[in-house]
Amino acid sequence: MSSEPARVGGCDTPTCDGDAETNTPNGYVCESCAAKIAVEYEQVREHDLEAGGGQA
């Protein structure tokens, strides 16, 4: 966890300085980071389905 104070309305992704717009499981993030998170979650879901670990 960073010792720097959070920027109000700022993206929770440590390497991003965009304005937060979307609440995700990874925090309150900008649109660009939210899209990246969505892709990552979809890839994990697809991998789990291929491995037989879930249902569509």
C-alpha atoms as a PDB file:
ATOM      1  CA  MET A   1       0.000   0.000   0.000  1.00  0.00           C
ATOM      2  CA  SER A   2       1.315   3.405  -0.945  1.00  0.00           C
ATOM      3  CA  SER A   3       2.143   5.988   1.703  1.00  0.00           C
ATOM      4  CA  GLU A   4       1.084   8.737  -0.714  1.00  0.00           C
ATOM      5  CA  PRO A   5      -2.403  10.175  -0.162  1.00  0.00           C
ATOM      6  CA  ALA A   6      -4.990   9.128  -2.738  1.00  0.00           C
ATOM      7  CA  ARG A   7      -6.061  11.787  -5.235  1.00  0.00           C
ATOM      8  CA  VAL A   8      -9.764  12.420  -4.807  1.00  0.00           C
ATOM      9  CA  GLY A   9     -11.514  11.245  -7.949  1.00  0.00           C
ATOM     10  CA  GLY A  10      -8.305   9.652  -9.192  1.00  0.00           C
ATOM     11  CA  CYS A  11      -7.932   6.179 -10.645  1.00  0.00           C
ATOM     12  CA  ASP A  12      -6.975   3.548  -8.035  1.00  0.00           C
ATOM     13  CA  THR A  13      -4.539   1.878 -10.454  1.00  0.00           C
ATOM     14  CA  PRO A  14      -1.081   2.773  -9.045  1.00  0.00           C
ATOM     15  CA  THR A  15       0.510   3.602 -12.413  1.00  0.00           C
ATOM     16  CA  CYS A  16      -2.443   5.636 -13.748  1.00  0.00           C
ATOM     17  CA  ASP A  17      -3.245   9.284 -13.170  1.00  0.00           C
ATOM     18  CA  GLY A  18      -6.624   9.295 -14.944  1.00  0.00           C
ATOM     19  CA  ASP A  19      -9.912  10.390 -13.415  1.00  0.00           C
ATOM     20  CA  ALA A  20     -11.870   7.556 -11.798  1.00  0.00           C
ATOM     21  CA  GLU A  21     -15.228   6.826 -13.410  1.00  0.00           C
ATOM     22  CA  THR A  22     -16.040   3.161 -12.741  1.00  0.00           C
ATOM     23  CA  ASN A  23     -16.259   1.047  -9.593  1.00  0.00           C
ATOM     24  CA  THR A  24     -14.676  -2.394 -10.127  1.00  0.00           C
ATOM     25  CA  PRO A  25     -13.480  -5.270  -7.923  1.00  0.00           C
ATOM     26  CA  ASN A  26     -10.038  -3.648  -8.270  1.00  0.00           C
ATOM     27  CA  GLY A  27     -11.209  -0.265  -7.007  1.00  0.00           C
ATOM     28  CA  TYR A  28     -12.520   2.970  -8.466  1.00  0.00           C
ATOM     29  CA  VAL A  29     -10.766   3.319 -11.812  1.00  0.00           C
ATOM     30  CA  CYS A  30     -10.732   5.294 -15.059  1.00  0.00           C
ATOM     31  CA  GLU A  31     -12.461   4.051 -18.211  1.00  0.00           C
ATOM     32  CA  SER A  32      -9.216   2.756 -19.745  1.00  0.00           C
ATOM     33  CA  CYS A  33      -8.244   0.735 -16.669  1.00  0.00           C
ATOM     34  CA  ALA A  34     -11.816  -0.589 -16.317  1.00  0.00           C
ATOM     35  CA  ALA A  35     -11.627  -1.910 -19.898  1.00  0.00           C
ATOM     36  CA  LYS A  36      -8.314  -3.655 -19.152  1.00  0.00           C
ATOM     37  CA  ILE A  37      -9.772  -5.203 -15.980  1.00  0.00           C
ATOM     38  CA  ALA A  38     -12.832  -6.416 -17.920  1.00  0.00           C
ATOM     39  CA  VAL A  39     -10.589  -8.120 -20.494  1.00  0.00           C
ATOM     40  CA  GLU A  40      -8.565  -9.803 -17.738  1.00  0.00           C
ATOM     41  CA  TYR A  41     -11.705 -11.090 -15.994  1.00  0.00           C
ATOM     42  CA  GLU A  42     -13.107 -12.382 -19.299  1.00  0.00           C
ATOM     43  CA  GLN A  43      -9.848 -14.205 -20.049  1.00  0.00           C
ATOM     44  CA  VAL A  44      -9.909 -15.867 -16.621  1.00  0.00           C
ATOM     45  CA  ARG A  45     -13.574 -16.821 -17.083  1.00  0.00           C
ATOM     46  CA  GLU A  46     -12.860 -18.361 -20.484  1.00  0.00           C
ATOM     47  CA  HIS A  47      -9.853 -20.239 -19.088  1.00  0.00           C
ATOM     48  CA  ASP A  48     -11.974 -21.603 -16.230  1.00  0.00           C
ATOM     49  CA  LEU A  49     -14.687 -22.711 -18.663  1.00  0.00           C
ATOM     50  CA  GLU A  50     -12.113 -24.480 -20.861  1.00  0.00           C
ATOM     51  CA  ALA A  51     -10.670 -26.203 -17.808  1.00  0.00           C
ATOM     52  CA  GLY A  52     -14.162 -27.360 -16.779  1.00  0.00           C
ATOM     53  CA  GLY A  53     -14.203 -25.189 -13.702  1.00  0.00           C
ATOM     54  CA  GLY A  54     -17.405 -23.285 -14.390  1.00  0.00           C
ATOM     55  CA  GLN A  55     -20.559 -22.892 -16.365  1.00  0.00           C
ATOM     56  CA  ALA A  56     -21.336 -20.459 -19.172  1.00  0.00           C
END
